[in-house]
Amino acid sequence: MHHNFYRFKFLNKRHAMYLPNKYKDFSSEFPQIFNLYKELGTKVRESGPLDENTQNLIKLGIAVGSNSRGAVMSHTRKALDTGSTKEAIRHAILLALSTTGFPNMIAALNWANEVLDKDGQ
């Protein structure tokens, strides 16, 4: 099944136009590499049966595990845009407690809450 998983950046959704400056700067400075990176991301997302929302929650969990503030916030936005509730997002982060530890999980929960609270969820 073919999907354009990067459509959220271009559609008129509530987080569609948010792109961190570092992301924009990289794409401007290294457009060929950036385009290959985006293409790889699209191909990986298209390579299996998981729906977009499930993929976004999994990627949120990976972001929590890598202790990446930017990725946690980004995948929180993406999960919201594909139908996740704030409760589902918080649950996905809470699941990291026994795997990555309390400090990592609580930091990620706070980063996600920055997005969720700002969004009025």
Protein backbone atom coordinates (compact mmCIF):
# COMPACT_ATOMS: atom_id res chain seq x y z
CA MET A 1 0.00 0.00 0.00
CA HIS A 2 1.50 3.33 -1.04
CA HIS A 3 1.07 6.33 1.24
CA ASN A 4 2.69 9.73 1.29
CA PHE A 5 3.67 9.72 4.94
CA TYR A 6 5.25 13.15 4.79
CA ARG A 7 2.02 14.86 3.74
CA PHE A 8 1.55 16.28 7.26
CA LYS A 9 4.17 18.91 6.49
CA PHE A 10 2.14 20.29 3.62
CA LEU A 11 -1.50 19.87 4.58
CA ASN A 12 -3.44 22.37 6.60
CA LYS A 13 -3.30 20.44 9.88
CA ARG A 14 -2.67 22.00 13.26
CA HIS A 15 1.09 21.22 13.32
CA ALA A 16 1.74 21.05 9.60
CA MET A 17 3.99 24.06 9.29
CA TYR A 18 6.17 23.52 12.36
CA LEU A 19 9.75 22.78 11.37
CA PRO A 20 12.66 23.48 13.73
CA ASN A 21 15.23 25.96 12.45
CA LYS A 22 18.01 23.36 12.58
CA TYR A 23 15.91 21.13 10.32
CA LYS A 24 15.30 24.00 7.88
CA ASP A 25 18.96 25.04 7.97
CA PHE A 26 20.14 21.51 7.22
CA SER A 27 17.70 21.15 4.33
CA SER A 28 18.92 24.43 2.83
CA GLU A 29 22.60 23.72 3.30
CA PHE A 30 22.51 20.08 2.14
CA PRO A 31 19.46 19.73 -0.13
CA GLN A 32 20.58 16.50 -1.86
CA ILE A 33 21.32 14.73 1.40
CA PHE A 34 18.12 16.05 2.93
CA ASN A 35 16.03 14.79 0.01
CA LEU A 36 17.66 11.36 0.19
CA TYR A 37 17.00 11.29 3.94
CA LYS A 38 13.32 12.15 3.37
CA GLU A 39 13.06 9.52 0.63
CA LEU A 40 14.57 6.88 2.93
CA GLY A 41 12.10 7.81 5.66
CA THR A 42 9.20 7.49 3.24
CA LYS A 43 10.40 4.12 1.93
CA VAL A 44 10.85 2.76 5.45
CA ARG A 45 7.33 3.86 6.43
CA GLU A 46 5.89 2.26 3.27
CA SER A 47 7.72 -1.04 3.77
CA GLY A 48 5.22 -2.69 6.11
CA PRO A 49 1.64 -3.02 7.24
CA LEU A 50 1.59 -0.60 10.19
CA ASP A 51 -0.77 2.35 9.84
CA GLU A 52 0.59 5.88 10.09
CA ASN A 53 -0.61 6.53 13.63
CA THR A 54 0.93 3.30 14.93
CA GLN A 55 4.18 4.22 13.21
CA ASN A 56 4.13 7.65 14.84
CA LEU A 57 3.62 6.15 18.30
CA ILE A 58 6.46 3.67 17.72
CA LYS A 59 8.72 6.48 16.55
CA LEU A 60 7.72 8.44 19.65
CA GLY A 61 8.85 5.50 21.77
CA ILE A 62 12.16 5.37 19.92
CA ALA A 63 12.57 9.11 20.47
CA VAL A 64 11.97 8.60 24.20
CA GLY A 65 14.60 5.86 24.25
CA SER A 66 17.13 8.07 22.51
CA ASN A 67 16.40 10.90 24.97
CA SER A 68 15.86 13.36 22.14
CA ARG A 69 13.77 16.38 23.09
CA GLY A 70 13.26 17.48 19.49
CA ALA A 71 12.24 14.02 18.30
CA VAL A 72 9.85 13.51 21.24
CA MET A 73 8.17 16.83 20.49
CA SER A 74 8.08 16.16 16.74
CA HIS A 75 6.59 12.68 17.09
CA THR A 76 4.11 13.96 19.66
CA ARG A 77 2.90 16.45 17.04
CA LYS A 78 2.79 13.77 14.35
CA ALA A 79 0.87 11.37 16.60
CA LEU A 80 -1.68 14.10 17.34
CA ASP A 81 -2.03 14.80 13.64
CA THR A 82 -2.74 11.15 12.86
CA GLY A 83 -5.41 10.74 15.52
CA SER A 84 -3.69 9.86 18.77
CA THR A 85 -5.22 11.25 21.93
CA LYS A 86 -3.13 12.91 24.60
CA GLU A 87 -3.83 9.86 26.79
CA ALA A 88 -2.46 7.48 24.12
CA ILE A 89 0.65 9.63 23.68
CA ARG A 90 1.28 9.80 27.41
CA HIS A 91 0.74 6.04 27.68
CA ALA A 92 3.28 5.41 24.90
CA ILE A 93 5.80 7.49 26.85
CA LEU A 94 4.91 5.88 30.17
CA LEU A 95 5.71 2.47 28.65
CA ALA A 96 9.35 3.56 28.50
CA LEU A 97 9.58 3.64 32.31
CA SER A 98 10.67 0.04 32.77
CA THR A 99 12.89 0.05 29.67
CA THR A 100 14.71 3.38 29.73
CA GLY A 101 14.24 4.39 33.35
CA PHE A 102 12.34 7.02 35.28
CA PRO A 103 14.58 10.05 34.52
CA ASN A 104 14.42 9.47 30.77
CA MET A 105 10.69 8.77 30.78
CA ILE A 106 9.80 11.78 32.94
CA ALA A 107 11.92 14.09 30.77
CA ALA A 108 10.12 12.82 27.67
CA LEU A 109 6.74 13.20 29.34
CA ASN A 110 7.56 16.83 30.13
CA TRP A 111 8.65 17.48 26.53
CA ALA A 112 5.46 15.92 25.17
CA ASN A 113 3.40 17.94 27.64
CA GLU A 114 4.95 21.12 26.23
CA VAL A 115 3.32 20.20 22.92
CA LEU A 116 0.09 18.86 24.41
CA ASP A 117 -0.44 21.81 26.74
CA LYS A 118 0.36 24.35 24.04
CA ASP A 119 -2.12 22.65 21.75
CA GLY A 120 -4.86 22.90 24.35
CA GLN A 121 -5.36 19.16 24.43
